[in-house]
N, C-alpha and C. Protein backbone atom coordinates (compact mmCIF):
# COMPACT_ATOMS: atom_id res chain seq x y z
N MET A 1 0.93 -1.10 -0.07
CA MET A 1 0.12 -0.10 0.03
C MET A 1 0.75 0.94 0.04
N LYS A 2 0.91 1.97 -1.00
CA LYS A 2 1.40 3.17 -0.94
C LYS A 2 0.41 4.54 -0.78
N ILE A 3 0.67 5.43 0.20
CA ILE A 3 -0.08 6.51 0.68
C ILE A 3 0.46 7.69 0.33
N ALA A 4 -0.21 8.72 -0.32
CA ALA A 4 0.09 9.76 -0.76
C ALA A 4 0.60 10.75 0.80
N SER A 5 1.64 11.46 0.87
CA SER A 5 2.10 12.02 1.95
C SER A 5 1.02 12.81 2.57
N GLY A 6 0.04 13.83 1.75
CA GLY A 6 -0.92 14.66 2.11
C GLY A 6 -1.87 14.07 2.72
N LYS A 7 -2.09 12.70 2.44
CA LYS A 7 -3.28 12.04 2.74
C LYS A 7 -3.19 11.14 4.10
N ILE A 8 -2.04 11.20 4.70
CA ILE A 8 -1.91 10.48 5.99
C ILE A 8 -1.67 11.40 7.43
N GLY A 9 -2.46 11.29 8.41
CA GLY A 9 -2.37 12.10 9.49
C GLY A 9 -1.94 11.04 10.46
N PHE A 10 -1.41 11.91 12.05
CA PHE A 10 -0.84 11.19 12.72
C PHE A 10 -1.32 11.62 14.23
N ASP A 11 -1.61 10.57 15.05
CA ASP A 11 -1.97 10.95 16.59
C ASP A 11 -0.33 11.44 16.89
N PHE A 12 -0.67 12.22 18.02
CA PHE A 12 0.70 12.59 18.72
C PHE A 12 1.58 11.83 19.62
N ASP A 13 0.51 11.53 20.95
CA ASP A 13 1.33 10.51 21.88
C ASP A 13 1.30 9.43 21.72
N CYS A 14 2.61 8.85 21.85
CA CYS A 14 2.85 7.41 21.59
C CYS A 14 2.87 7.08 20.05
N VAL A 15 2.93 8.09 19.12
CA VAL A 15 2.92 7.83 17.85
C VAL A 15 4.34 8.61 17.23
N VAL A 16 4.12 9.89 17.72
CA VAL A 16 5.04 10.91 17.29
C VAL A 16 6.05 10.86 18.49
N ALA A 17 5.37 11.44 19.59
CA ALA A 17 6.28 11.63 20.82
C ALA A 17 6.14 10.40 21.69
N ASP A 18 7.42 10.13 22.49
CA ASP A 18 7.46 8.86 23.29
C ASP A 18 7.00 9.11 24.45
N THR A 19 5.80 9.09 24.54
CA THR A 19 4.94 9.48 25.82
C THR A 19 5.20 8.26 26.85
N MET A 20 5.20 7.19 26.67
CA MET A 20 5.45 5.96 27.48
C MET A 20 6.79 6.22 28.06
N GLU A 21 7.97 6.46 27.34
CA GLU A 21 9.16 6.59 27.82
C GLU A 21 9.01 7.56 28.83
N ALA A 22 8.56 8.70 28.73
CA ALA A 22 8.62 10.08 29.52
C ALA A 22 7.70 9.51 30.56
N PHE A 23 6.64 8.91 30.49
CA PHE A 23 5.88 8.57 31.72
C PHE A 23 6.80 7.50 32.57
N ILE A 24 7.37 6.76 32.22
CA ILE A 24 8.30 5.77 33.05
C ILE A 24 9.51 6.35 33.55
N ARG A 25 9.85 7.28 32.68
CA ARG A 25 11.20 8.08 33.29
C ARG A 25 10.77 9.05 34.46
N LEU A 26 9.67 9.66 34.33
CA LEU A 26 9.28 10.71 35.53
C LEU A 26 8.61 9.97 36.65
N ALA A 27 7.96 8.64 36.34
CA ALA A 27 7.53 8.14 37.38
C ALA A 27 8.77 7.46 38.35
N ALA A 28 9.88 7.14 37.66
CA ALA A 28 11.13 6.64 38.58
C ALA A 28 11.88 7.99 39.09
N GLU A 29 12.01 8.91 38.35
CA GLU A 29 12.76 10.16 38.66
C GLU A 29 11.96 10.68 39.95
N ASP A 30 10.91 11.08 39.97
CA ASP A 30 9.92 11.89 40.61
C ASP A 30 9.44 11.12 42.02
N TYR A 31 9.16 10.02 41.64
CA TYR A 31 8.20 9.24 42.52
C TYR A 31 8.97 7.86 42.95
N GLY A 32 10.12 7.50 42.45
CA GLY A 32 11.02 6.22 42.91
C GLY A 32 10.21 5.01 42.33
N LEU A 33 9.46 4.95 41.34
CA LEU A 33 8.58 4.14 40.91
C LEU A 33 9.25 3.14 39.73
N GLU A 34 9.16 1.81 39.75
CA GLU A 34 9.84 1.29 38.58
C GLU A 34 8.74 0.70 37.81
N VAL A 35 8.65 1.09 36.62
CA VAL A 35 7.52 0.77 35.58
C VAL A 35 8.28 0.26 34.32
N LEU A 36 7.87 -0.96 33.80
CA LEU A 36 8.53 -1.29 32.61
C LEU A 36 7.14 -1.35 31.50
N PRO A 37 8.01 -1.09 30.49
CA PRO A 37 7.09 -0.97 29.10
C PRO A 37 6.21 -1.91 28.99
N GLU A 38 6.37 -3.19 29.36
CA GLU A 38 5.54 -4.44 29.04
C GLU A 38 4.35 -4.57 30.37
N GLN A 39 4.56 -3.88 31.35
CA GLN A 39 3.50 -3.78 32.51
C GLN A 39 2.21 -2.81 31.84
N ILE A 40 2.57 -2.11 30.93
CA ILE A 40 1.29 -1.04 30.26
C ILE A 40 0.75 -1.86 29.44
N THR A 41 -0.22 -2.38 29.89
CA THR A 41 -1.11 -3.43 28.84
C THR A 41 -2.53 -2.94 28.48
N ASP A 42 -2.69 -1.68 29.22
CA ASP A 42 -4.21 -0.86 28.76
C ASP A 42 -3.77 0.46 28.72
N PHE A 43 -4.44 0.98 27.61
CA PHE A 43 -4.52 2.46 27.27
C PHE A 43 -4.69 3.50 28.45
N MET A 44 -5.36 3.00 29.30
CA MET A 44 -5.39 3.80 30.82
C MET A 44 -4.71 3.25 31.61
N VAL A 45 -3.38 3.78 31.85
CA VAL A 45 -2.53 3.04 32.54
C VAL A 45 -2.83 2.87 34.23
N GLU A 46 -3.84 3.51 34.54
CA GLU A 46 -4.22 3.19 36.00
C GLU A 46 -4.87 1.93 36.33
N ASN A 47 -5.46 1.52 34.84
CA ASN A 47 -6.26 0.04 34.89
C ASN A 47 -5.28 -1.13 34.96
N CYS A 48 -3.81 -0.88 34.95
CA CYS A 48 -2.75 -1.96 34.75
C CYS A 48 -1.75 -1.72 35.71
N LEU A 49 -1.57 -0.46 36.04
CA LEU A 49 -0.50 -0.08 37.05
C LEU A 49 -0.61 -0.03 38.48
N ASP A 50 -0.13 -0.58 39.59
CA ASP A 50 -0.40 -0.28 40.90
C ASP A 50 0.06 1.12 41.49
N ILE A 51 -0.39 2.03 40.57
CA ILE A 51 -0.12 3.49 40.97
C ILE A 51 -1.03 4.45 41.30
N ASP A 52 -0.85 5.17 42.33
CA ASP A 52 -1.74 6.08 42.87
C ASP A 52 -2.45 6.94 41.56
N LEU A 53 -3.62 7.31 41.43
CA LEU A 53 -4.15 8.15 40.59
C LEU A 53 -3.67 9.43 40.62
N GLU A 54 -3.40 10.00 41.70
CA GLU A 54 -2.77 11.29 41.91
C GLU A 54 -1.52 11.41 41.12
N ILE A 55 -0.70 10.41 41.33
CA ILE A 55 0.60 10.41 40.64
C ILE A 55 0.20 10.24 38.96
N VAL A 56 -0.38 9.40 38.82
CA VAL A 56 -0.59 9.23 37.31
C VAL A 56 -1.20 10.70 36.58
N ASP A 57 -2.20 11.11 37.43
CA ASP A 57 -2.58 12.56 37.07
C ASP A 57 -1.73 13.56 36.93
N ASP A 58 -0.76 13.75 37.97
CA ASP A 58 0.52 14.63 38.02
C ASP A 58 1.34 14.47 36.81
N ILE A 59 1.84 13.42 36.34
CA ILE A 59 2.70 12.91 35.54
C ILE A 59 2.04 13.32 33.97
N PHE A 60 0.78 13.00 33.82
CA PHE A 60 0.06 13.39 32.55
C PHE A 60 -0.05 14.66 32.24
N THR A 61 -0.48 15.50 33.54
CA THR A 61 -0.75 16.68 33.50
C THR A 61 0.53 17.60 33.08
N ARG A 62 1.57 17.26 33.58
CA ARG A 62 2.99 17.85 33.28
C ARG A 62 3.32 17.70 31.76
N LEU A 63 2.93 16.42 31.24
CA LEU A 63 3.38 15.95 29.86
C LEU A 63 2.37 16.78 28.87
N ILE A 64 1.30 16.84 29.44
CA ILE A 64 0.04 17.74 28.69
C ILE A 64 0.48 19.12 28.39
N ARG A 65 0.84 19.79 29.68
CA ARG A 65 1.06 21.11 29.61
C ARG A 65 2.16 21.77 29.15
N ASP A 66 3.50 20.77 29.40
CA ASP A 66 4.85 21.31 29.03
C ASP A 66 5.67 20.28 28.66
N PRO A 67 5.24 19.88 27.37
CA PRO A 67 6.00 18.34 27.10
C PRO A 67 7.46 18.75 27.08
N LEU A 68 7.97 19.78 26.48
CA LEU A 68 9.39 20.18 26.20
C LEU A 68 9.87 20.22 27.79
N GLY A 69 9.53 20.81 28.72
CA GLY A 69 9.91 20.79 30.04
C GLY A 69 10.03 19.50 30.71
N ALA A 70 9.07 18.63 30.46
CA ALA A 70 9.04 17.47 30.91
C ALA A 70 9.82 16.34 30.18
N GLY A 71 10.58 16.79 29.47
CA GLY A 71 11.56 15.96 28.40
C GLY A 71 10.87 15.09 27.48
N LEU A 72 9.79 15.50 27.33
CA LEU A 72 9.03 14.36 25.96
C LEU A 72 9.91 14.35 24.87
N LYS A 73 10.32 13.27 24.39
CA LYS A 73 11.24 12.94 23.11
C LYS A 73 10.32 12.42 22.07
N PRO A 74 10.82 12.68 20.97
CA PRO A 74 10.22 11.87 19.75
C PRO A 74 10.46 10.45 19.73
N MET A 75 9.64 9.76 19.16
CA MET A 75 9.63 8.29 18.85
C MET A 75 10.89 8.06 18.04
N ALA A 76 11.55 6.97 18.06
CA ALA A 76 12.73 6.80 17.08
C ALA A 76 12.34 6.86 15.48
N ASP A 77 13.17 7.80 15.06
CA ASP A 77 13.05 8.05 13.48
C ASP A 77 11.95 8.98 13.07
N ALA A 78 11.02 9.15 14.16
CA ALA A 78 9.94 10.11 13.83
C ALA A 78 10.01 11.22 12.93
N ILE A 79 11.02 12.01 13.69
CA ILE A 79 11.39 13.33 13.14
C ILE A 79 12.10 13.32 11.69
N ALA A 80 13.09 12.40 11.29
CA ALA A 80 13.57 12.24 10.29
C ALA A 80 12.49 11.90 9.01
N VAL A 81 11.65 10.91 9.39
CA VAL A 81 10.57 10.49 8.49
C VAL A 81 9.75 11.67 8.33
N LEU A 82 9.13 12.43 9.43
CA LEU A 82 8.19 13.45 9.06
C LEU A 82 8.92 14.56 8.47
N ASP A 83 10.17 15.09 8.47
CA ASP A 83 10.90 16.18 7.80
C ASP A 83 10.97 15.49 6.24
N GLU A 84 10.97 14.34 5.98
CA GLU A 84 10.93 13.91 4.25
C GLU A 84 9.52 14.01 3.91
N LEU A 85 8.54 13.62 4.96
CA LEU A 85 6.88 13.92 4.25
C LEU A 85 6.77 15.30 4.08
N ALA A 86 7.17 16.19 5.05
CA ALA A 86 7.05 17.60 4.91
C ALA A 86 7.52 18.27 3.78
N MET A 87 8.62 17.73 3.06
CA MET A 87 9.18 18.02 1.88
C MET A 87 7.82 17.94 0.82
N VAL A 88 6.96 16.98 0.72
CA VAL A 88 6.22 16.95 -0.32
C VAL A 88 5.18 17.55 0.06
N SER A 89 4.28 17.60 1.38
CA SER A 89 3.06 18.29 1.58
C SER A 89 2.94 18.53 3.14
N PRO A 90 2.16 19.41 3.28
CA PRO A 90 2.15 19.88 4.84
C PRO A 90 1.81 18.32 5.89
N LEU A 91 2.44 18.68 6.99
CA LEU A 91 2.16 17.46 7.85
C LEU A 91 0.81 17.65 8.58
N THR A 92 -0.02 16.63 8.97
CA THR A 92 -1.26 16.82 9.66
C THR A 92 -1.21 15.90 10.92
N PHE A 93 -1.62 16.52 12.09
CA PHE A 93 -1.87 15.76 13.51
C PHE A 93 -3.03 16.02 13.90
N VAL A 94 -3.80 14.99 14.50
CA VAL A 94 -5.04 15.16 15.26
C VAL A 94 -4.77 14.42 16.55
N THR A 95 -4.87 15.23 17.58
CA THR A 95 -4.62 14.71 19.00
C THR A 95 -5.78 14.99 19.87
N ALA A 96 -6.01 14.08 20.80
CA ALA A 96 -6.86 13.93 21.71
C ALA A 96 -6.50 15.01 23.02
N ARG A 97 -5.35 15.49 23.01
CA ARG A 97 -4.93 16.51 24.05
C ARG A 97 -5.81 17.45 23.91
N PRO A 98 -6.10 18.16 25.13
CA PRO A 98 -7.09 19.23 25.13
C PRO A 98 -6.29 20.67 24.77
N TYR A 99 -5.30 20.80 24.68
CA TYR A 99 -4.37 22.03 24.43
C TYR A 99 -3.67 22.08 23.05
N VAL A 100 -3.75 22.91 21.97
CA VAL A 100 -2.94 23.03 21.02
C VAL A 100 -1.64 23.37 21.13
N GLU A 101 -1.43 24.58 22.01
CA GLU A 101 -0.23 25.52 22.24
C GLU A 101 1.08 24.53 22.59
N PRO A 102 0.97 23.71 23.53
CA PRO A 102 1.83 22.91 24.00
C PRO A 102 2.35 21.91 22.80
N VAL A 103 1.58 21.25 22.01
CA VAL A 103 1.95 20.48 20.93
C VAL A 103 2.67 21.29 19.76
N VAL A 104 1.94 22.44 19.48
CA VAL A 104 2.74 23.44 18.69
C VAL A 104 4.24 23.67 18.90
N GLU A 105 4.41 24.05 20.13
CA GLU A 105 5.77 24.27 20.43
C GLU A 105 6.63 23.23 20.49
N TRP A 106 6.19 22.09 20.89
CA TRP A 106 6.98 20.75 20.68
C TRP A 106 7.41 20.45 19.35
N LEU A 107 6.34 20.41 18.41
CA LEU A 107 6.57 20.22 16.85
C LEU A 107 7.62 21.16 16.43
N GLU A 108 7.17 22.48 16.61
CA GLU A 108 8.16 23.42 16.27
C GLU A 108 9.45 23.42 16.47
N PHE A 109 9.98 22.85 17.82
CA PHE A 109 11.22 22.72 18.55
C PHE A 109 11.78 21.49 17.61
N TYR A 110 11.17 20.27 17.48
CA TYR A 110 11.68 18.96 17.00
C TYR A 110 11.47 19.17 15.44
N LEU A 111 10.71 19.94 14.65
CA LEU A 111 10.67 19.77 13.24
C LEU A 111 11.44 20.98 12.66
N GLY A 112 11.67 22.11 13.57
CA GLY A 112 12.32 23.32 12.88
C GLY A 112 11.46 23.93 12.00
N GLY A 113 11.92 25.06 11.31
CA GLY A 113 11.26 25.88 10.46
C GLY A 113 10.73 25.18 9.45
N LYS A 114 11.47 24.27 8.37
CA LYS A 114 10.95 23.76 7.17
C LYS A 114 9.77 22.74 7.49
N GLY A 115 10.40 21.74 8.42
CA GLY A 115 9.46 20.58 8.55
C GLY A 115 8.13 21.09 9.38
N PHE A 116 8.24 22.31 10.11
CA PHE A 116 6.98 22.71 10.82
C PHE A 116 6.15 23.72 10.00
N ALA A 117 6.63 24.34 9.00
CA ALA A 117 5.99 24.93 8.18
C ALA A 117 4.63 24.22 7.42
N GLY A 118 3.32 24.82 7.48
CA GLY A 118 2.02 24.44 7.00
C GLY A 118 1.52 23.43 7.70
N VAL A 119 2.06 22.87 8.90
CA VAL A 119 1.75 21.85 9.73
C VAL A 119 0.28 22.19 10.12
N ARG A 120 -0.56 21.15 9.93
CA ARG A 120 -1.97 21.44 10.49
C ARG A 120 -2.11 20.28 11.75
N LEU A 121 -2.81 21.08 12.73
CA LEU A 121 -3.03 20.23 14.12
C LEU A 121 -4.28 20.59 14.63
N ILE A 122 -5.08 19.67 14.90
CA ILE A 122 -6.08 19.99 15.58
C ILE A 122 -6.06 19.03 17.05
N ALA A 123 -6.37 19.73 18.14
CA ALA A 123 -6.57 19.12 19.43
C ALA A 123 -8.15 18.92 19.84
N THR A 124 -8.56 17.60 19.91
CA THR A 124 -9.97 17.37 20.04
C THR A 124 -10.37 17.44 21.39
N GLY A 125 -9.39 17.19 22.52
CA GLY A 125 -9.74 16.92 23.69
C GLY A 125 -10.75 15.72 23.87
N ASP A 126 -10.61 14.80 23.04
CA ASP A 126 -11.62 13.67 23.05
C ASP A 126 -10.86 12.59 22.34
N HIS A 127 -10.78 11.22 22.91
CA HIS A 127 -10.03 10.27 22.00
C HIS A 127 -11.25 9.89 20.96
N ASP A 128 -12.35 9.82 21.21
CA ASP A 128 -13.27 9.51 20.21
C ASP A 128 -13.53 10.56 19.32
N GLY A 129 -13.27 11.77 19.30
CA GLY A 129 -13.49 12.81 18.48
C GLY A 129 -12.62 13.13 17.33
N LYS A 130 -11.99 12.15 16.85
CA LYS A 130 -11.10 12.64 15.69
C LYS A 130 -11.62 12.23 14.27
N THR A 131 -12.68 11.42 14.16
CA THR A 131 -13.19 11.25 12.89
C THR A 131 -13.67 12.45 12.05
N GLY A 132 -14.19 13.32 12.58
CA GLY A 132 -14.66 14.68 11.99
C GLY A 132 -13.33 15.45 11.42
N PRO A 133 -12.59 15.67 12.29
CA PRO A 133 -11.36 16.45 11.92
C PRO A 133 -10.61 15.66 10.72
N ILE A 134 -10.30 14.45 11.12
CA ILE A 134 -9.83 13.66 10.02
C ILE A 134 -10.45 13.83 8.63
N ARG A 135 -11.69 13.37 8.63
CA ARG A 135 -12.36 13.67 7.30
C ARG A 135 -12.32 15.08 6.84
N LYS A 136 -12.65 16.06 7.69
CA LYS A 136 -12.34 17.41 7.10
C LYS A 136 -11.10 17.90 6.44
N MET A 137 -10.06 17.43 7.03
CA MET A 137 -8.69 17.45 6.35
C MET A 137 -8.26 16.78 5.23
N GLY A 138 -9.26 15.76 4.78
CA GLY A 138 -9.33 14.99 3.51
C GLY A 138 -8.14 13.92 3.61
N LEU A 139 -7.90 13.21 4.98
CA LEU A 139 -6.88 12.14 5.06
C LEU A 139 -7.76 11.10 4.72
N SER A 140 -6.95 10.04 3.99
CA SER A 140 -7.45 8.93 3.71
C SER A 140 -6.99 7.63 4.80
N HIS A 141 -5.97 8.16 5.46
CA HIS A 141 -5.06 6.98 6.36
C HIS A 141 -4.75 7.88 7.69
N PHE A 142 -4.92 7.14 8.71
CA PHE A 142 -4.55 7.93 10.01
C PHE A 142 -3.72 6.86 10.85
N VAL A 143 -2.80 7.41 11.54
CA VAL A 143 -1.73 6.49 12.39
C VAL A 143 -2.19 6.83 14.10
N ASP A 144 -2.76 5.90 14.74
CA ASP A 144 -2.95 6.05 16.19
C ASP A 144 -2.42 4.82 16.88
N ASP A 145 -2.15 5.17 18.13
CA ASP A 145 -1.54 3.88 19.25
C ASP A 145 -3.07 3.20 19.72
N ARG A 146 -4.05 3.99 19.93
CA ARG A 146 -5.14 3.60 20.60
C ARG A 146 -6.27 2.67 19.83
N ALA A 147 -6.27 1.61 20.32
CA ALA A 147 -7.18 0.56 19.54
C ALA A 147 -8.61 0.92 19.52
N ASP A 148 -9.22 1.56 20.56
CA ASP A 148 -10.28 1.69 20.38
C ASP A 148 -10.72 3.01 19.31
N THR A 149 -9.86 3.90 19.19
CA THR A 149 -9.78 4.90 18.36
C THR A 149 -9.69 4.30 16.70
N CYS A 150 -8.79 3.47 16.41
CA CYS A 150 -8.52 2.99 15.29
C CYS A 150 -9.95 1.81 14.88
N ASN A 151 -10.45 1.22 15.90
CA ASN A 151 -11.54 0.56 15.30
C ASN A 151 -12.75 1.12 15.04
N LEU A 152 -12.75 2.49 15.73
CA LEU A 152 -13.94 3.42 15.60
C LEU A 152 -13.53 3.77 14.03
N LEU A 153 -12.48 4.39 13.71
CA LEU A 153 -12.25 4.76 12.28
C LEU A 153 -12.45 3.82 11.46
N ALA A 154 -12.19 2.28 11.84
CA ALA A 154 -12.29 1.31 10.70
C ALA A 154 -13.73 1.13 10.09
N GLY A 155 -14.55 1.93 10.81
CA GLY A 155 -16.10 1.71 10.65
C GLY A 155 -16.24 2.76 9.57
N GLU A 156 -15.46 3.50 9.25
CA GLU A 156 -15.77 4.74 8.38
C GLU A 156 -15.13 4.30 7.00
N ILE A 157 -16.16 4.46 5.99
CA ILE A 157 -15.95 4.10 4.58
C ILE A 157 -14.52 4.70 3.97
N ASP A 158 -14.31 5.84 4.43
CA ASP A 158 -13.16 6.59 3.58
C ASP A 158 -12.14 6.87 4.44
N ILE A 159 -11.72 6.42 5.68
CA ILE A 159 -10.74 6.40 6.48
C ILE A 159 -10.16 4.96 6.66
N THR A 160 -8.70 4.86 6.49
CA THR A 160 -8.18 3.72 6.66
C THR A 160 -7.34 3.93 8.00
N PRO A 161 -7.54 3.38 9.10
CA PRO A 161 -6.87 3.50 10.36
C PRO A 161 -5.46 2.53 10.32
N ILE A 162 -4.21 2.93 10.91
CA ILE A 162 -3.27 2.07 10.90
C ILE A 162 -2.70 2.27 12.43
N ILE A 163 -2.57 1.01 13.07
CA ILE A 163 -2.16 1.17 14.40
C ILE A 163 -0.81 1.24 14.57
N TYR A 164 -0.48 2.13 15.64
CA TYR A 164 1.18 2.02 16.07
C TYR A 164 1.10 0.94 17.04
N ALA A 165 1.91 -0.08 16.72
CA ALA A 165 1.82 -1.36 17.80
C ALA A 165 2.66 -0.74 19.21
N GLN A 166 1.87 -0.92 20.20
CA GLN A 166 2.43 -0.74 21.51
C GLN A 166 1.85 -1.83 22.56
N PRO A 167 2.35 -1.98 23.67
CA PRO A 167 1.97 -3.12 24.49
C PRO A 167 0.33 -3.14 24.80
N TRP A 168 -0.29 -1.82 24.69
CA TRP A 168 -1.70 -1.66 25.22
C TRP A 168 -2.60 -2.12 24.22
N ASN A 169 -2.09 -2.08 23.10
CA ASN A 169 -2.99 -2.40 21.88
C ASN A 169 -2.77 -3.86 21.33
N PHE A 170 -2.02 -4.73 21.87
CA PHE A 170 -1.93 -5.96 21.29
C PHE A 170 -3.13 -6.81 21.62
N GLY A 171 -3.58 -7.49 20.51
CA GLY A 171 -4.68 -8.48 20.55
C GLY A 171 -5.77 -7.72 20.72
N LYS A 172 -5.80 -6.23 20.61
CA LYS A 172 -7.18 -5.68 20.87
C LYS A 172 -7.83 -4.97 19.35
N HIS A 173 -7.22 -5.66 18.23
CA HIS A 173 -7.39 -4.98 16.75
C HIS A 173 -7.22 -6.19 15.71
N ARG A 174 -7.66 -5.81 14.68
CA ARG A 174 -7.43 -6.79 13.54
C ARG A 174 -7.23 -6.02 12.49
N LEU A 175 -6.37 -4.80 12.66
CA LEU A 175 -6.01 -3.77 11.53
C LEU A 175 -4.62 -3.89 11.17
N ASP A 176 -4.25 -3.17 10.05
CA ASP A 176 -2.66 -3.03 9.78
C ASP A 176 -2.15 -2.34 10.69
N ALA A 177 -0.95 -2.62 11.12
CA ALA A 177 -0.16 -2.17 12.05
C ALA A 177 1.29 -1.82 11.61
N VAL A 178 1.97 -0.90 12.37
CA VAL A 178 3.39 -0.55 11.88
C VAL A 178 3.88 -0.75 13.45
N ASP A 179 5.35 -0.86 13.48
CA ASP A 179 6.13 -1.03 14.63
C ASP A 179 6.88 0.00 14.79
N ASN A 180 7.24 0.65 13.64
CA ASN A 180 8.17 1.85 13.96
C ASN A 180 7.84 2.73 12.53
N TRP A 181 8.70 3.80 12.65
CA TRP A 181 8.60 4.82 11.64
C TRP A 181 9.25 4.73 10.27
N ARG A 182 10.21 3.72 10.37
CA ARG A 182 10.60 3.09 8.95
C ARG A 182 9.53 2.38 8.18
N ALA A 183 8.75 1.62 8.97
CA ALA A 183 7.73 1.05 8.44
C ALA A 183 6.74 2.27 7.64
N ILE A 184 6.40 3.29 8.49
CA ILE A 184 5.65 4.20 7.88
C ILE A 184 6.04 4.82 6.87
N LYS A 185 7.38 4.94 6.71
CA LYS A 185 8.15 5.63 5.70
C LYS A 185 8.04 4.79 4.26
N LYS A 186 8.05 3.40 4.40
CA LYS A 186 8.06 2.65 3.25
C LYS A 186 6.19 2.59 2.85
N MET A 187 5.28 3.04 3.57
CA MET A 187 4.00 3.01 3.03
C MET A 187 3.63 4.37 2.25
N CYS A 188 4.50 5.40 2.67
CA CYS A 188 4.30 6.71 2.14
C CYS A 188 5.10 6.81 0.87
N CYS A 189 4.36 7.64 -0.15
CA CYS A 189 5.09 8.11 -1.46
C CYS A 189 5.14 9.58 -1.45
């Protein structure tokens, strides 16, 4: 399958940004908690980790409000691939985050001027609210790590979801999946 660069969009957390690494690192540095990636078997980490909900909320609040200050890094190869895609057409991101400004700052920092130019970004504030923006932007494909979002998109005639494989989505879908950004690059033309 070859996807035109302007027809594919991306979720932000755990697709472009390595939110799992940041969560695990902040849990260790700030709370002395040891969390292994394979322990995160549910999208809602409080459902699979024995961590106080206040700690989970604190970590995610920091990552949402100040991703750069919290040390949120890109997924391996994400920026290189996004830079290549940006040479062909503007990049499109749809995130369930409630605030667009911190994501804009993060993307501008990591993509720089050329890669960031023309970026289209919508913050829906709702994991299940991505269908409308994806359709409005004319995307035919969307990469997300949340199985429920991808399964919802799979019900749409004109949108093909691609799941970014993560421990919390194993066995929860029957969709095309990618393991890394090199695989995304191979799908795009």
